[in-house]
Amino acid sequence: MLHNGPLMQSRQSSIQEYVHEVILAEDGSSDNSLVVCTALAEANPKVKLFRHPDGKNRGAGATRNLGVLNAQCDLIAFLDADDIYLPKRFNQPVSVLRRVMRLEISLRRKVFGPGSF
């Protein structure tokens, strides 16, 4: 995130109940983004804040990679600081992904045998 401190304060409602973690990747902002992100991370155990080792701006790609490398969950959805997720945003996609994953596991068991998964 770069120069979006005020927007971040209004994004807490996007942290929905089925979201297991929120990664904030701070990209060397010169505004109050770091202060806001630090406060969010301290106030909510789901929120984790990461910065580049030198604290400098590395660009969107490197900053997304920083977030991905530190993510603990299997599924990742990107949300830029100036975006919001609508309520129930993930209900349909998560349901579909779970069915696909069950189908994949079922197919693997048929192909590779019951002890493979």
C-alpha atoms as a PDB file:
ATOM      1  CA  MET A   1       0.000   0.000   0.000  1.00  0.00           C
ATOM      2  CA  LEU A   2       1.255   3.415  -0.863  1.00  0.00           C
ATOM      3  CA  HIS A   3      -0.196   6.706   0.445  1.00  0.00           C
ATOM      4  CA  ASN A   4      -3.608   5.346   1.475  1.00  0.00           C
ATOM      5  CA  GLY A   5      -3.751   5.772   5.239  1.00  0.00           C
ATOM      6  CA  PRO A   6      -7.149   7.514   5.331  1.00  0.00           C
ATOM      7  CA  LEU A   7      -8.713   4.858   3.101  1.00  0.00           C
ATOM      8  CA  MET A   8      -7.372   2.020   5.243  1.00  0.00           C
ATOM      9  CA  GLN A   9      -9.291   3.225   8.275  1.00  0.00           C
ATOM     10  CA  SER A  10     -12.575   2.702   6.428  1.00  0.00           C
ATOM     11  CA  ARG A  11     -11.661  -0.788   5.163  1.00  0.00           C
ATOM     12  CA  GLN A  12     -12.102  -2.648   8.436  1.00  0.00           C
ATOM     13  CA  SER A  13     -15.625  -3.657   7.378  1.00  0.00           C
ATOM     14  CA  SER A  14     -14.063  -5.616   4.529  1.00  0.00           C
ATOM     15  CA  ILE A  15     -12.555  -8.043   7.061  1.00  0.00           C
ATOM     16  CA  GLN A  16     -15.316 -10.605   6.922  1.00  0.00           C
ATOM     17  CA  GLU A  17     -15.908 -13.568   9.222  1.00  0.00           C
ATOM     18  CA  TYR A  18     -14.653 -16.161   6.744  1.00  0.00           C
ATOM     19  CA  VAL A  19     -11.412 -14.303   6.160  1.00  0.00           C
ATOM     20  CA  HIS A  20      -8.747 -16.071   8.208  1.00  0.00           C
ATOM     21  CA  GLU A  21      -5.996 -13.504   7.785  1.00  0.00           C
ATOM     22  CA  VAL A  22      -5.454 -10.074   6.314  1.00  0.00           C
ATOM     23  CA  ILE A  23      -1.985  -9.252   5.076  1.00  0.00           C
ATOM     24  CA  LEU A  24      -1.084  -5.582   4.922  1.00  0.00           C
ATOM     25  CA  ALA A  25       1.986  -5.032   2.776  1.00  0.00           C
ATOM     26  CA  GLU A  26       3.220  -1.488   3.310  1.00  0.00           C
ATOM     27  CA  ASP A  27       5.299  -0.047   0.483  1.00  0.00           C
ATOM     28  CA  GLY A  28       7.208   2.844   2.017  1.00  0.00           C
ATOM     29  CA  SER A  29       4.388   5.367   2.144  1.00  0.00           C
ATOM     30  CA  SER A  30       5.222   8.903   3.153  1.00  0.00           C
ATOM     31  CA  ASP A  31       1.753   9.608   4.558  1.00  0.00           C
ATOM     32  CA  ASN A  32       0.293   8.030   7.722  1.00  0.00           C
ATOM     33  CA  SER A  33      -0.367   4.595   6.116  1.00  0.00           C
ATOM     34  CA  LEU A  34       2.185   2.852   8.308  1.00  0.00           C
ATOM     35  CA  VAL A  35       0.653   4.301  11.487  1.00  0.00           C
ATOM     36  CA  VAL A  36      -2.853   3.265  10.398  1.00  0.00           C
ATOM     37  CA  CYS A  37      -1.716  -0.225   9.368  1.00  0.00           C
ATOM     38  CA  THR A  38       0.160  -0.708  12.619  1.00  0.00           C
ATOM     39  CA  ALA A  39      -2.957   0.250  14.584  1.00  0.00           C
ATOM     40  CA  LEU A  40      -5.098  -2.161  12.520  1.00  0.00           C
ATOM     41  CA  ALA A  41      -2.628  -4.998  13.087  1.00  0.00           C
ATOM     42  CA  GLU A  42      -2.505  -4.314  16.817  1.00  0.00           C
ATOM     43  CA  ALA A  43      -6.305  -4.144  17.098  1.00  0.00           C
ATOM     44  CA  ASN A  44      -7.159  -7.298  15.129  1.00  0.00           C
ATOM     45  CA  PRO A  45      -5.297 -10.623  15.404  1.00  0.00           C
ATOM     46  CA  LYS A  46      -6.316 -11.508  11.820  1.00  0.00           C
ATOM     47  CA  VAL A  47      -4.355  -8.525  10.491  1.00  0.00           C
ATOM     48  CA  LYS A  48      -0.623  -8.910   9.905  1.00  0.00           C
ATOM     49  CA  LEU A  49       1.612  -6.088   8.716  1.00  0.00           C
ATOM     50  CA  PHE A  50       4.721  -6.585   6.594  1.00  0.00           C
ATOM     51  CA  ARG A  51       7.222  -4.113   5.168  1.00  0.00           C
ATOM     52  CA  HIS A  52      10.164  -4.444   2.841  1.00  0.00           C
ATOM     53  CA  PRO A  53      13.386  -4.983   4.842  1.00  0.00           C
ATOM     54  CA  ASP A  54      14.737  -1.549   3.955  1.00  0.00           C
ATOM     55  CA  GLY A  55      11.354   0.180   4.412  1.00  0.00           C
ATOM     56  CA  LYS A  56      11.567   1.664   0.905  1.00  0.00           C
ATOM     57  CA  ASN A  57       9.058   1.746  -1.930  1.00  0.00           C
ATOM     58  CA  ARG A  58       9.596  -1.322  -4.125  1.00  0.00           C
ATOM     59  CA  GLY A  59       6.518  -1.042  -6.366  1.00  0.00           C
ATOM     60  CA  ALA A  60       3.224  -2.913  -6.604  1.00  0.00           C
ATOM     61  CA  GLY A  61       4.625  -6.234  -7.862  1.00  0.00           C
ATOM     62  CA  ALA A  62       7.293  -6.595  -5.198  1.00  0.00           C
ATOM     63  CA  THR A  63       4.844  -5.529  -2.504  1.00  0.00           C
ATOM     64  CA  ARG A  64       2.219  -8.071  -3.585  1.00  0.00           C
ATOM     65  CA  ASN A  65       4.956 -10.711  -3.583  1.00  0.00           C
ATOM     66  CA  LEU A  66       5.861  -9.666  -0.041  1.00  0.00           C
ATOM     67  CA  GLY A  67       2.271 -10.284   0.998  1.00  0.00           C
ATOM     68  CA  VAL A  68       2.016 -13.631  -0.808  1.00  0.00           C
ATOM     69  CA  LEU A  69       5.274 -14.882   0.688  1.00  0.00           C
ATOM     70  CA  ASN A  70       3.981 -14.149   4.182  1.00  0.00           C
ATOM     71  CA  ALA A  71       0.455 -15.517   3.717  1.00  0.00           C
ATOM     72  CA  GLN A  72      -0.470 -18.596   5.741  1.00  0.00           C
ATOM     73  CA  CYS A  73      -3.755 -19.496   4.018  1.00  0.00           C
ATOM     74  CA  ASP A  74      -4.251 -21.577   0.880  1.00  0.00           C
ATOM     75  CA  LEU A  75      -6.455 -19.051  -0.929  1.00  0.00           C
ATOM     76  CA  ILE A  76      -5.430 -15.461  -1.573  1.00  0.00           C
ATOM     77  CA  ALA A  77      -7.531 -12.550  -2.803  1.00  0.00           C
ATOM     78  CA  PHE A  78      -5.986  -9.165  -3.468  1.00  0.00           C
ATOM     79  CA  LEU A  79      -7.576  -5.976  -2.205  1.00  0.00           C
ATOM     80  CA  ASP A  80      -5.858  -2.708  -2.968  1.00  0.00           C
ATOM     81  CA  ALA A  81      -6.085   0.049  -0.372  1.00  0.00           C
ATOM     82  CA  ASP A  82      -8.565   2.054  -2.455  1.00  0.00           C
ATOM     83  CA  ASP A  83     -10.927  -0.925  -3.027  1.00  0.00           C
ATOM     84  CA  ILE A  84     -13.583  -2.604  -0.889  1.00  0.00           C
ATOM     85  CA  TYR A  85     -15.182  -6.044  -0.831  1.00  0.00           C
ATOM     86  CA  LEU A  86     -18.947  -6.091  -0.707  1.00  0.00           C
ATOM     87  CA  PRO A  87     -20.627  -8.165   2.024  1.00  0.00           C
ATOM     88  CA  LYS A  88     -20.687 -11.881   1.212  1.00  0.00           C
ATOM     89  CA  ARG A  89     -18.142 -11.289  -1.570  1.00  0.00           C
ATOM     90  CA  PHE A  90     -16.609 -14.742  -1.219  1.00  0.00           C
ATOM     91  CA  ASN A  91     -19.681 -16.883  -0.509  1.00  0.00           C
ATOM     92  CA  GLN A  92     -20.108 -18.119  -4.089  1.00  0.00           C
ATOM     93  CA  PRO A  93     -16.408 -18.450  -5.068  1.00  0.00           C
ATOM     94  CA  VAL A  94     -15.493 -20.252  -1.839  1.00  0.00           C
ATOM     95  CA  SER A  95     -18.386 -22.663  -2.249  1.00  0.00           C
ATOM     96  CA  VAL A  96     -17.301 -23.455  -5.813  1.00  0.00           C
ATOM     97  CA  LEU A  97     -13.649 -23.843  -4.810  1.00  0.00           C
ATOM     98  CA  ARG A  98     -14.557 -26.253  -2.007  1.00  0.00           C
ATOM     99  CA  ARG A  99     -16.562 -28.405  -4.431  1.00  0.00           C
ATOM    100  CA  VAL A 100     -13.704 -28.397  -6.944  1.00  0.00           C
ATOM    101  CA  MET A 101     -11.193 -29.332  -4.243  1.00  0.00           C
ATOM    102  CA  ARG A 102     -13.413 -32.208  -3.029  1.00  0.00           C
ATOM    103  CA  LEU A 103     -13.785 -33.417  -6.615  1.00  0.00           C
ATOM    104  CA  GLU A 104     -10.020 -33.220  -7.173  1.00  0.00           C
ATOM    105  CA  ILE A 105      -9.304 -35.207  -3.995  1.00  0.00           C
ATOM    106  CA  SER A 106     -11.946 -37.761  -4.950  1.00  0.00           C
ATOM    107  CA  LEU A 107     -10.449 -38.170  -8.427  1.00  0.00           C
ATOM    108  CA  ARG A 108      -6.925 -38.500  -7.028  1.00  0.00           C
ATOM    109  CA  ARG A 109      -8.063 -41.224  -4.640  1.00  0.00           C
ATOM    110  CA  LYS A 110      -9.617 -43.145  -7.533  1.00  0.00           C
ATOM    111  CA  VAL A 111      -6.468 -42.809  -9.622  1.00  0.00           C
ATOM    112  CA  PHE A 112      -3.794 -43.204  -6.951  1.00  0.00           C
ATOM    113  CA  GLY A 113      -5.598 -45.240  -4.310  1.00  0.00           C
ATOM    114  CA  PRO A 114      -7.280 -44.477  -0.971  1.00  0.00           C
ATOM    115  CA  GLY A 115      -4.075 -44.014   1.024  1.00  0.00           C
ATOM    116  CA  SER A 116      -2.771 -41.211  -1.184  1.00  0.00           C
ATOM    117  CA  PHE A 117      -4.829 -38.412   0.417  1.00  0.00           C
END
